[in-house]
Amino acid sequence: MAVRTLERTGERTKHGVHEKEVTKVTRKGQTGKEVIMSVLARAADDSAFLARLAEDPSEALSEYYTLTKEELAALASGDIRKIESWCGKLDKRHATWLWCRLSQEKW
């Protein structure tokens, strides 16, 4: 179940405090596989989220607080084998983030 909330970032603008809409994901009614697939789909469809993942995976994934440490680590590192062992073979769209992560030369 996704819950949309407004979150204050603390950044001041000339019109007040900046707020952004954040989607928080709960596992109520969702399996780990479903949450992982939603992260991968969002990365494929939302270029701003994809950029956040590339810059700071821990921060970008922090809103998916129901993921286990192992799931977060696999997503952050782009561990396709582990993710496919949980979710099955990924299509090209869902593998977008993982291939981007693997192509980054951040070792």
PDB file of N, CA and C in Angstrom:
ATOM      1  N   MET A   1       0.840  -1.162   0.000  1.00  0.00           N
ATOM      2  CA  MET A   1       0.000   0.000   0.000  1.00  0.00           C
ATOM      3  C   MET A   1       0.886   1.225   0.000  1.00  0.00           C
ATOM      4  N   ALA A   2       0.755   2.086  -0.962  1.00  0.00           N
ATOM      5  CA  ALA A   2       1.541   3.308  -1.028  1.00  0.00           C
ATOM      6  C   ALA A   2       0.776   4.438  -0.368  1.00  0.00           C
ATOM      7  N   VAL A   3       1.488   5.230   0.388  1.00  0.00           N
ATOM      8  CA  VAL A   3       0.890   6.365   1.069  1.00  0.00           C
ATOM      9  C   VAL A   3       1.626   7.610   0.618  1.00  0.00           C
ATOM     10  N   ARG A   4       0.905   8.566   0.085  1.00  0.00           N
ATOM     11  CA  ARG A   4       1.535   9.813  -0.345  1.00  0.00           C
ATOM     12  C   ARG A   4       1.450  10.824   0.790  1.00  0.00           C
ATOM     13  N   THR A   5       2.582  11.455   1.087  1.00  0.00           N
ATOM     14  CA  THR A   5       2.631  12.457   2.145  1.00  0.00           C
ATOM     15  C   THR A   5       3.442  13.649   1.660  1.00  0.00           C
ATOM     16  N   LEU A   6       3.260  14.773   2.307  1.00  0.00           N
ATOM     17  CA  LEU A   6       4.117  15.921   2.063  1.00  0.00           C
ATOM     18  C   LEU A   6       5.195  15.918   3.127  1.00  0.00           C
ATOM     19  N   GLU A   7       6.413  16.148   2.721  1.00  0.00           N
ATOM     20  CA  GLU A   7       7.529  16.137   3.637  1.00  0.00           C
ATOM     21  C   GLU A   7       8.266  17.467   3.507  1.00  0.00           C
ATOM     22  N   ARG A   8       8.525  18.103   4.618  1.00  0.00           N
ATOM     23  CA  ARG A   8       9.301  19.340   4.595  1.00  0.00           C
ATOM     24  C   ARG A   8      10.771  18.991   4.461  1.00  0.00           C
ATOM     25  N   THR A   9      11.432  19.616   3.507  1.00  0.00           N
ATOM     26  CA  THR A   9      12.846  19.326   3.290  1.00  0.00           C
ATOM     27  C   THR A   9      13.732  20.229   4.129  1.00  0.00           C
ATOM     28  N   GLY A  10      13.162  21.305   4.650  1.00  0.00           N
ATOM     29  CA  GLY A  10      13.956  22.241   5.435  1.00  0.00           C
ATOM     30  C   GLY A  10      14.623  23.292   4.575  1.00  0.00           C
ATOM     31  N   GLU A  11      14.532  23.158   3.261  1.00  0.00           N
ATOM     32  CA  GLU A  11      15.113  24.148   2.359  1.00  0.00           C
ATOM     33  C   GLU A  11      14.190  25.354   2.298  1.00  0.00           C
ATOM     34  N   ARG A  12      14.756  26.500   2.459  1.00  0.00           N
ATOM     35  CA  ARG A  12      13.970  27.734   2.401  1.00  0.00           C
ATOM     36  C   ARG A  12      13.987  28.273   0.980  1.00  0.00           C
ATOM     37  N   THR A  13      12.835  28.683   0.526  1.00  0.00           N
ATOM     38  CA  THR A  13      12.719  29.344  -0.769  1.00  0.00           C
ATOM     39  C   THR A  13      12.128  30.714  -0.511  1.00  0.00           C
ATOM     40  N   LYS A  14      12.032  31.538  -1.518  1.00  0.00           N
ATOM     41  CA  LYS A  14      11.465  32.870  -1.288  1.00  0.00           C
ATOM     42  C   LYS A  14       9.965  32.788  -0.994  1.00  0.00           C
ATOM     43  N   HIS A  15       9.363  31.645  -1.223  1.00  0.00           N
ATOM     44  CA  HIS A  15       7.934  31.451  -0.954  1.00  0.00           C
ATOM     45  C   HIS A  15       7.700  30.630   0.304  1.00  0.00           C
ATOM     46  N   GLY A  16       8.720  30.389   1.129  1.00  0.00           N
ATOM     47  CA  GLY A  16       8.552  29.618   2.356  1.00  0.00           C
ATOM     48  C   GLY A  16       9.422  28.375   2.363  1.00  0.00           C
ATOM     49  N   VAL A  17       9.030  27.409   3.141  1.00  0.00           N
ATOM     50  CA  VAL A  17       9.778  26.158   3.249  1.00  0.00           C
ATOM     51  C   VAL A  17       9.360  25.238   2.115  1.00  0.00           C
ATOM     52  N   HIS A  18      10.349  24.666   1.462  1.00  0.00           N
ATOM     53  CA  HIS A  18      10.092  23.771   0.335  1.00  0.00           C
ATOM     54  C   HIS A  18       9.481  22.465   0.834  1.00  0.00           C
ATOM     55  N   GLU A  19       8.436  22.018   0.175  1.00  0.00           N
ATOM     56  CA  GLU A  19       7.837  20.728   0.479  1.00  0.00           C
ATOM     57  C   GLU A  19       7.869  19.885  -0.785  1.00  0.00           C
ATOM     58  N   LYS A  20       7.987  18.589  -0.597  1.00  0.00           N
ATOM     59  CA  LYS A  20       7.933  17.694  -1.748  1.00  0.00           C
ATOM     60  C   LYS A  20       6.988  16.557  -1.410  1.00  0.00           C
ATOM     61  N   GLU A  21       6.342  16.044  -2.418  1.00  0.00           N
ATOM     62  CA  GLU A  21       5.464  14.897  -2.207  1.00  0.00           C
ATOM     63  C   GLU A  21       6.322  13.646  -2.211  1.00  0.00           C
ATOM     64  N   VAL A  22       6.131  12.811  -1.219  1.00  0.00           N
ATOM     65  CA  VAL A  22       6.922  11.600  -1.057  1.00  0.00           C
ATOM     66  C   VAL A  22       5.973  10.418  -1.003  1.00  0.00           C
ATOM     67  N   THR A  23       6.329   9.367  -1.696  1.00  0.00           N
ATOM     68  CA  THR A  23       5.555   8.138  -1.610  1.00  0.00           C
ATOM     69  C   THR A  23       6.239   7.213  -0.630  1.00  0.00           C
ATOM     70  N   LYS A  24       5.562   6.882   0.436  1.00  0.00           N
ATOM     71  CA  LYS A  24       6.071   5.928   1.414  1.00  0.00           C
ATOM     72  C   LYS A  24       5.402   4.592   1.121  1.00  0.00           C
ATOM     73  N   VAL A  25       6.158   3.543   1.152  1.00  0.00           N
ATOM     74  CA  VAL A  25       5.622   2.229   0.832  1.00  0.00           C
ATOM     75  C   VAL A  25       5.577   1.397   2.101  1.00  0.00           C
ATOM     76  N   THR A  26       4.445   0.814   2.340  1.00  0.00           N
ATOM     77  CA  THR A  26       4.334  -0.089   3.472  1.00  0.00           C
ATOM     78  C   THR A  26       4.179  -1.498   2.931  1.00  0.00           C
ATOM     79  N   ARG A  27       4.559  -2.459   3.723  1.00  0.00           N
ATOM     80  CA  ARG A  27       4.483  -3.833   3.273  1.00  0.00           C
ATOM     81  C   ARG A  27       3.113  -4.442   3.555  1.00  0.00           C
ATOM     82  N   LYS A  28       2.241  -3.701   4.221  1.00  0.00           N
ATOM     83  CA  LYS A  28       0.916  -4.232   4.516  1.00  0.00           C
ATOM     84  C   LYS A  28       0.255  -4.645   3.207  1.00  0.00           C
ATOM     85  N   GLY A  29       0.081  -5.917   3.029  1.00  0.00           N
ATOM     86  CA  GLY A  29      -0.531  -6.420   1.808  1.00  0.00           C
ATOM     87  C   GLY A  29       0.438  -6.586   0.652  1.00  0.00           C
ATOM     88  N   GLN A  30       1.711  -6.247   0.845  1.00  0.00           N
ATOM     89  CA  GLN A  30       2.691  -6.390  -0.227  1.00  0.00           C
ATOM     90  C   GLN A  30       3.811  -7.309   0.216  1.00  0.00           C
ATOM     91  N   THR A  31       4.283  -8.104  -0.691  1.00  0.00           N
ATOM     92  CA  THR A  31       5.435  -8.953  -0.416  1.00  0.00           C
ATOM     93  C   THR A  31       6.703  -8.161  -0.712  1.00  0.00           C
ATOM     94  N   GLY A  32       7.833  -8.652  -0.233  1.00  0.00           N
ATOM     95  CA  GLY A  32       9.111  -8.018  -0.545  1.00  0.00           C
ATOM     96  C   GLY A  32       9.323  -7.926  -2.043  1.00  0.00           C
ATOM     97  N   LYS A  33       8.921  -8.971  -2.756  1.00  0.00           N
ATOM     98  CA  LYS A  33       9.049  -8.987  -4.215  1.00  0.00           C
ATOM     99  C   LYS A  33       8.268  -7.834  -4.834  1.00  0.00           C
ATOM    100  N   GLU A  34       7.059  -7.595  -4.359  1.00  0.00           N
ATOM    101  CA  GLU A  34       6.233  -6.515  -4.917  1.00  0.00           C
ATOM    102  C   GLU A  34       6.853  -5.146  -4.655  1.00  0.00           C
ATOM    103  N   VAL A  35       7.423  -4.966  -3.483  1.00  0.00           N
ATOM    104  CA  VAL A  35       8.058  -3.687  -3.167  1.00  0.00           C
ATOM    105  C   VAL A  35       9.303  -3.503  -4.034  1.00  0.00           C
ATOM    106  N   ILE A  36      10.104  -4.536  -4.177  1.00  0.00           N
ATOM    107  CA  ILE A  36      11.297  -4.465  -5.029  1.00  0.00           C
ATOM    108  C   ILE A  36      10.895  -4.128  -6.459  1.00  0.00           C
ATOM    109  N   MET A  37       9.873  -4.797  -6.964  1.00  0.00           N
ATOM    110  CA  MET A  37       9.421  -4.529  -8.331  1.00  0.00           C
ATOM    111  C   MET A  37       8.907  -3.102  -8.467  1.00  0.00           C
ATOM    112  N   SER A  38       8.280  -2.565  -7.423  1.00  0.00           N
ATOM    113  CA  SER A  38       7.804  -1.179  -7.497  1.00  0.00           C
ATOM    114  C   SER A  38       8.974  -0.200  -7.509  1.00  0.00           C
ATOM    115  N   VAL A  39      10.045  -0.506  -6.777  1.00  0.00           N
ATOM    116  CA  VAL A  39      11.249   0.333  -6.810  1.00  0.00           C
ATOM    117  C   VAL A  39      11.847   0.322  -8.213  1.00  0.00           C
ATOM    118  N   LEU A  40      11.967  -0.865  -8.793  1.00  0.00           N
ATOM    119  CA  LEU A  40      12.556  -0.980 -10.129  1.00  0.00           C
ATOM    120  C   LEU A  40      11.693  -0.294 -11.184  1.00  0.00           C
ATOM    121  N   ALA A  41      10.376  -0.406 -11.066  1.00  0.00           N
ATOM    122  CA  ALA A  41       9.476   0.262 -12.008  1.00  0.00           C
ATOM    123  C   ALA A  41       9.588   1.773 -11.866  1.00  0.00           C
ATOM    124  N   ARG A  42       9.651   2.249 -10.639  1.00  0.00           N
ATOM    125  CA  ARG A  42       9.781   3.694 -10.415  1.00  0.00           C
ATOM    126  C   ARG A  42      11.092   4.206 -10.993  1.00  0.00           C
ATOM    127  N   ALA A  43      12.178   3.459 -10.820  1.00  0.00           N
ATOM    128  CA  ALA A  43      13.466   3.867 -11.372  1.00  0.00           C
ATOM    129  C   ALA A  43      13.417   3.938 -12.895  1.00  0.00           C
ATOM    130  N   ALA A  44      12.673   3.042 -13.507  1.00  0.00           N
ATOM    131  CA  ALA A  44      12.560   3.036 -14.972  1.00  0.00           C
ATOM    132  C   ALA A  44      11.716   4.194 -15.479  1.00  0.00           C
ATOM    133  N   ASP A  45      10.714   4.615 -14.692  1.00  0.00           N
ATOM    134  CA  ASP A  45       9.752   5.623 -15.154  1.00  0.00           C
ATOM    135  C   ASP A  45      10.017   7.034 -14.647  1.00  0.00           C
ATOM    136  N   ASP A  46      10.801   7.172 -13.598  1.00  0.00           N
ATOM    137  CA  ASP A  46      11.001   8.467 -12.946  1.00  0.00           C
ATOM    138  C   ASP A  46      12.488   8.821 -12.986  1.00  0.00           C
ATOM    139  N   SER A  47      12.870   9.679 -13.923  1.00  0.00           N
ATOM    140  CA  SER A  47      14.291   9.998 -14.099  1.00  0.00           C
ATOM    141  C   SER A  47      14.888  10.691 -12.877  1.00  0.00           C
ATOM    142  N   ALA A  48      14.097  11.464 -12.148  1.00  0.00           N
ATOM    143  CA  ALA A  48      14.609  12.115 -10.938  1.00  0.00           C
ATOM    144  C   ALA A  48      14.942  11.074  -9.871  1.00  0.00           C
ATOM    145  N   PHE A  49      14.083  10.069  -9.732  1.00  0.00           N
ATOM    146  CA  PHE A  49      14.344   8.992  -8.768  1.00  0.00           C
ATOM    147  C   PHE A  49      15.567   8.184  -9.204  1.00  0.00           C
ATOM    148  N   LEU A  50      15.686   7.918 -10.496  1.00  0.00           N
ATOM    149  CA  LEU A  50      16.848   7.194 -11.015  1.00  0.00           C
ATOM    150  C   LEU A  50      18.131   7.960 -10.712  1.00  0.00           C
ATOM    151  N   ALA A  51      18.103   9.275 -10.880  1.00  0.00           N
ATOM    152  CA  ALA A  51      19.275  10.098 -10.580  1.00  0.00           C
ATOM    153  C   ALA A  51      19.609  10.059  -9.092  1.00  0.00           C
ATOM    154  N   ARG A  52      18.589  10.093  -8.242  1.00  0.00           N
ATOM    155  CA  ARG A  52      18.811   9.992  -6.791  1.00  0.00           C
ATOM    156  C   ARG A  52      19.427   8.641  -6.433  1.00  0.00           C
ATOM    157  N   LEU A  53      18.946   7.580  -7.064  1.00  0.00           N
ATOM    158  CA  LEU A  53      19.514   6.253  -6.828  1.00  0.00           C
ATOM    159  C   LEU A  53      20.990   6.209  -7.221  1.00  0.00           C
ATOM    160  N   ALA A  54      21.310   6.828  -8.341  1.00  0.00           N
ATOM    161  CA  ALA A  54      22.687   6.825  -8.816  1.00  0.00           C
ATOM    162  C   ALA A  54      23.597   7.630  -7.893  1.00  0.00           C
ATOM    163  N   GLU A  55      23.089   8.734  -7.382  1.00  0.00           N
ATOM    164  CA  GLU A  55      23.888   9.615  -6.527  1.00  0.00           C
ATOM    165  C   GLU A  55      24.036   9.069  -5.104  1.00  0.00           C
ATOM    166  N   ASP A  56      22.923   8.640  -4.521  1.00  0.00           N
ATOM    167  CA  ASP A  56      22.936   8.184  -3.124  1.00  0.00           C
ATOM    168  C   ASP A  56      21.842   7.139  -2.922  1.00  0.00           C
ATOM    169  N   PRO A  57      22.138   5.872  -3.235  1.00  0.00           N
ATOM    170  CA  PRO A  57      21.120   4.821  -3.137  1.00  0.00           C
ATOM    171  C   PRO A  57      20.490   4.710  -1.747  1.00  0.00           C
ATOM    172  N   SER A  58      21.278   4.861  -0.703  1.00  0.00           N
ATOM    173  CA  SER A  58      20.735   4.739   0.654  1.00  0.00           C
ATOM    174  C   SER A  58      19.666   5.785   0.921  1.00  0.00           C
ATOM    175  N   GLU A  59      19.916   7.005   0.495  1.00  0.00           N
ATOM    176  CA  GLU A  59      18.947   8.081   0.693  1.00  0.00           C
ATOM    177  C   GLU A  59      17.704   7.835  -0.154  1.00  0.00           C
ATOM    178  N   ALA A  60      17.901   7.482  -1.406  1.00  0.00           N
ATOM    179  CA  ALA A  60      16.770   7.276  -2.313  1.00  0.00           C
ATOM    180  C   ALA A  60      15.880   6.125  -1.844  1.00  0.00           C
ATOM    181  N   LEU A  61      16.479   5.105  -1.287  1.00  0.00           N
ATOM    182  CA  LEU A  61      15.718   3.929  -0.846  1.00  0.00           C
ATOM    183  C   LEU A  61      15.187   4.064   0.576  1.00  0.00           C
ATOM    184  N   SER A  62      15.536   5.126   1.274  1.00  0.00           N
ATOM    185  CA  SER A  62      15.117   5.282   2.667  1.00  0.00           C
ATOM    186  C   SER A  62      13.607   5.371   2.821  1.00  0.00           C
ATOM    187  N   GLU A  63      12.914   5.820   1.794  1.00  0.00           N
ATOM    188  CA  GLU A  63      11.455   5.895   1.890  1.00  0.00           C
ATOM    189  C   GLU A  63      10.792   4.521   1.766  1.00  0.00           C
ATOM    190  N   TYR A  64      11.544   3.528   1.356  1.00  0.00           N
ATOM    191  CA  TYR A  64      11.044   2.153   1.284  1.00  0.00           C
ATOM    192  C   TYR A  64      11.467   1.427   2.551  1.00  0.00           C
ATOM    193  N   TYR A  65      10.969   1.906   3.662  1.00  0.00           N
ATOM    194  CA  TYR A  65      11.422   1.461   4.971  1.00  0.00           C
ATOM    195  C   TYR A  65      11.028   0.034   5.316  1.00  0.00           C
ATOM    196  N   THR A  66      10.206  -0.598   4.518  1.00  0.00           N
ATOM    197  CA  THR A  66       9.815  -1.978   4.811  1.00  0.00           C
ATOM    198  C   THR A  66      10.756  -2.998   4.195  1.00  0.00           C
ATOM    199  N   LEU A  67      11.663  -2.562   3.338  1.00  0.00           N
ATOM    200  CA  LEU A  67      12.617  -3.489   2.742  1.00  0.00           C
ATOM    201  C   LEU A  67      13.617  -3.949   3.801  1.00  0.00           C
ATOM    202  N   THR A  68      14.013  -5.198   3.707  1.00  0.00           N
ATOM    203  CA  THR A  68      15.015  -5.722   4.632  1.00  0.00           C
ATOM    204  C   THR A  68      16.383  -5.154   4.269  1.00  0.00           C
ATOM    205  N   LYS A  69      17.342  -5.294   5.170  1.00  0.00           N
ATOM    206  CA  LYS A  69      18.703  -4.832   4.899  1.00  0.00           C
ATOM    207  C   LYS A  69      19.279  -5.544   3.676  1.00  0.00           C
ATOM    208  N   GLU A  70      18.979  -6.821   3.553  1.00  0.00           N
ATOM    209  CA  GLU A  70      19.477  -7.598   2.411  1.00  0.00           C
ATOM    210  C   GLU A  70      18.869  -7.092   1.102  1.00  0.00           C
ATOM    211  N   GLU A  71      17.579  -6.787   1.114  1.00  0.00           N
ATOM    212  CA  GLU A  71      16.911  -6.263  -0.085  1.00  0.00           C
ATOM    213  C   GLU A  71      17.462  -4.890  -0.446  1.00  0.00           C
ATOM    214  N   LEU A  72      17.641  -4.033   0.555  1.00  0.00           N
ATOM    215  CA  LEU A  72      18.208  -2.701   0.312  1.00  0.00           C
ATOM    216  C   LEU A  72      19.613  -2.799  -0.264  1.00  0.00           C
ATOM    217  N   ALA A  73      20.426  -3.679   0.298  1.00  0.00           N
ATOM    218  CA  ALA A  73      21.798  -3.840  -0.187  1.00  0.00           C
ATOM    219  C   ALA A  73      21.823  -4.322  -1.631  1.00  0.00           C
ATOM    220  N   ALA A  74      20.957  -5.256  -1.968  1.00  0.00           N
ATOM    221  CA  ALA A  74      20.911  -5.775  -3.342  1.00  0.00           C
ATOM    222  C   ALA A  74      20.480  -4.688  -4.320  1.00  0.00           C
ATOM    223  N   LEU A  75      19.482  -3.889  -3.942  1.00  0.00           N
ATOM    224  CA  LEU A  75      19.039  -2.800  -4.806  1.00  0.00           C
ATOM    225  C   LEU A  75      20.125  -1.731  -4.939  1.00  0.00           C
ATOM    226  N   ALA A  76      20.741  -1.370  -3.832  1.00  0.00           N
ATOM    227  CA  ALA A  76      21.764  -0.323  -3.851  1.00  0.00           C
ATOM    228  C   ALA A  76      22.979  -0.717  -4.683  1.00  0.00           C
ATOM    229  N   SER A  77      23.349  -1.987  -4.631  1.00  0.00           N
ATOM    230  CA  SER A  77      24.544  -2.441  -5.345  1.00  0.00           C
ATOM    231  C   SER A  77      24.262  -2.887  -6.773  1.00  0.00           C
ATOM    232  N   GLY A  78      22.989  -3.065  -7.111  1.00  0.00           N
ATOM    233  CA  GLY A  78      22.648  -3.535  -8.449  1.00  0.00           C
ATOM    234  C   GLY A  78      22.850  -5.031  -8.612  1.00  0.00           C
ATOM    235  N   ASP A  79      22.652  -5.782  -7.552  1.00  0.00           N
ATOM    236  CA  ASP A  79      22.877  -7.230  -7.565  1.00  0.00           C
ATOM    237  C   ASP A  79      21.739  -7.952  -8.299  1.00  0.00           C
ATOM    238  N   ILE A  80      21.878  -8.022  -9.608  1.00  0.00           N
ATOM    239  CA  ILE A  80      20.838  -8.612 -10.458  1.00  0.00           C
ATOM    240  C   ILE A  80      20.579 -10.068 -10.086  1.00  0.00           C
ATOM    241  N   ARG A  81      21.611 -10.838  -9.855  1.00  0.00           N
ATOM    242  CA  ARG A  81      21.418 -12.261  -9.539  1.00  0.00           C
ATOM    243  C   ARG A  81      20.554 -12.453  -8.300  1.00  0.00           C
ATOM    244  N   LYS A  82      20.854 -11.702  -7.257  1.00  0.00           N
ATOM    245  CA  LYS A  82      20.092 -11.853  -6.023  1.00  0.00           C
ATOM    246  C   LYS A  82      18.647 -11.406  -6.237  1.00  0.00           C
ATOM    247  N   ILE A  83      18.460 -10.269  -6.895  1.00  0.00           N
ATOM    248  CA  ILE A  83      17.104  -9.755  -7.114  1.00  0.00           C
ATOM    249  C   ILE A  83      16.307 -10.711  -7.986  1.00  0.00           C
ATOM    250  N   GLU A  84      16.933 -11.261  -9.027  1.00  0.00           N
ATOM    251  CA  GLU A  84      16.226 -12.224  -9.874  1.00  0.00           C
ATOM    252  C   GLU A  84      15.947 -13.530  -9.128  1.00  0.00           C
ATOM    253  N   SER A  85      16.759 -13.868  -8.148  1.00  0.00           N
ATOM    254  CA  SER A  85      16.465 -15.078  -7.364  1.00  0.00           C
ATOM    255  C   SER A  85      15.201 -14.876  -6.520  1.00  0.00           C
ATOM    256  N   TRP A  86      14.926 -13.637  -6.135  1.00  0.00           N
ATOM    257  CA  TRP A  86      13.715 -13.338  -5.368  1.00  0.00           C
ATOM    258  C   TRP A  86      12.510 -13.082  -6.257  1.00  0.00           C
ATOM    259  N   CYS A  87      12.744 -12.396  -7.384  1.00  0.00           N
ATOM    260  CA  CYS A  87      11.636 -11.875  -8.193  1.00  0.00           C
ATOM    261  C   CYS A  87      11.430 -12.603  -9.516  1.00  0.00           C
ATOM    262  N   GLY A  88      12.361 -13.438  -9.908  1.00  0.00           N
ATOM    263  CA  GLY A  88      12.297 -14.061 -11.218  1.00  0.00           C
ATOM    264  C   GLY A  88      12.995 -13.187 -12.249  1.00  0.00           C
ATOM    265  N   LYS A  89      13.086 -13.684 -13.455  1.00  0.00           N
ATOM    266  CA  LYS A  89      13.770 -12.971 -14.535  1.00  0.00           C
ATOM    267  C   LYS A  89      13.125 -11.614 -14.757  1.00  0.00           C
ATOM    268  N   LEU A  90      13.946 -10.570 -14.769  1.00  0.00           N
ATOM    269  CA  LEU A  90      13.451  -9.204 -14.957  1.00  0.00           C
ATOM    270  C   LEU A  90      13.386  -8.865 -16.433  1.00  0.00           C
ATOM    271  N   ASP A  91      12.358  -8.127 -16.803  1.00  0.00           N
ATOM    272  CA  ASP A  91      12.293  -7.633 -18.174  1.00  0.00           C
ATOM    273  C   ASP A  91      13.208  -6.411 -18.296  1.00  0.00           C
ATOM    274  N   LYS A  92      13.372  -5.934 -19.511  1.00  0.00           N
ATOM    275  CA  LYS A  92      14.292  -4.827 -19.776  1.00  0.00           C
ATOM    276  C   LYS A  92      13.923  -3.587 -18.964  1.00  0.00           C
ATOM    277  N   ARG A  93      12.655  -3.288 -18.867  1.00  0.00           N
ATOM    278  CA  ARG A  93      12.202  -2.095 -18.130  1.00  0.00           C
ATOM    279  C   ARG A  93      12.597  -2.184 -16.657  1.00  0.00           C
ATOM    280  N   HIS A  94      12.308  -3.304 -16.026  1.00  0.00           N
ATOM    281  CA  HIS A  94      12.599  -3.448 -14.608  1.00  0.00           C
ATOM    282  C   HIS A  94      14.106  -3.544 -14.323  1.00  0.00           C
ATOM    283  N   ALA A  95      14.881  -3.934 -15.290  1.00  0.00           N
ATOM    284  CA  ALA A  95      16.327  -4.046 -15.096  1.00  0.00           C
ATOM    285  C   ALA A  95      17.065  -2.733 -15.356  1.00  0.00           C
ATOM    286  N   THR A  96      16.352  -1.682 -15.732  1.00  0.00           N
ATOM    287  CA  THR A  96      16.973  -0.397 -16.077  1.00  0.00           C
ATOM    288  C   THR A  96      17.937   0.084 -14.998  1.00  0.00           C
ATOM    289  N   TRP A  97      17.463   0.194 -13.756  1.00  0.00           N
ATOM    290  CA  TRP A  97      18.312   0.688 -12.677  1.00  0.00           C
ATOM    291  C   TRP A  97      19.515  -0.218 -12.462  1.00  0.00           C
ATOM    292  N   LEU A  98      19.304  -1.513 -12.495  1.00  0.00           N
ATOM    293  CA  LEU A  98      20.388  -2.442 -12.202  1.00  0.00           C
ATOM    294  C   LEU A  98      21.501  -2.331 -13.233  1.00  0.00           C
ATOM    295  N   TRP A  99      21.139  -2.194 -14.496  1.00  0.00           N
ATOM    296  CA  TRP A  99      22.150  -2.031 -15.542  1.00  0.00           C
ATOM    297  C   TRP A  99      22.836  -0.679 -15.426  1.00  0.00           C
ATOM    298  N   CYS A 100      22.088   0.359 -15.047  1.00  0.00           N
ATOM    299  CA  CYS A 100      22.704   1.678 -14.821  1.00  0.00           C
ATOM    300  C   CYS A 100      23.718   1.588 -13.691  1.00  0.00           C
ATOM    301  N   ARG A 101      23.345   0.917 -12.614  1.00  0.00           N
ATOM    302  CA  ARG A 101      24.236   0.800 -11.452  1.00  0.00           C
ATOM    303  C   ARG A 101      25.490   0.028 -11.811  1.00  0.00           C
ATOM    304  N   LEU A 102      25.328  -1.047 -12.541  1.00  0.00           N
ATOM    305  CA  LEU A 102      26.489  -1.849 -12.920  1.00  0.00           C
ATOM    306  C   LEU A 102      27.405  -1.105 -13.884  1.00  0.00           C
ATOM    307  N   SER A 103      26.841  -0.194 -14.684  1.00  0.00           N
ATOM    308  CA  SER A 103      27.667   0.544 -15.634  1.00  0.00           C
ATOM    309  C   SER A 103      28.402   1.707 -14.971  1.00  0.00           C
ATOM    310  N   GLN A 104      27.959   2.106 -13.763  1.00  0.00           N
ATOM    311  CA  GLN A 104      28.686   3.129 -13.018  1.00  0.00           C
ATOM    312  C   GLN A 104      29.976   2.482 -12.519  1.00  0.00           C
ATOM    313  N   GLU A 105      31.044   3.179 -12.667  1.00  0.00           N
ATOM    314  CA  GLU A 105      32.309   2.596 -12.228  1.00  0.00           C
ATOM    315  C   GLU A 105      32.639   3.116 -10.835  1.00  0.00           C
ATOM    316  N   LYS A 106      31.753   2.818  -9.886  1.00  0.00           N
ATOM    317  CA  LYS A 106      31.949   3.203  -8.489  1.00  0.00           C
ATOM    318  C   LYS A 106      32.293   1.948  -7.702  1.00  0.00           C
ATOM    319  N   TRP A 107      33.522   1.614  -7.653  1.00  0.00           N
ATOM    320  CA  TRP A 107      33.925   0.405  -6.948  1.00  0.00           C
ATOM    321  C   TRP A 107      34.634   0.767  -5.722  1.00  0.00           C
TER     322      TRP A 107
END
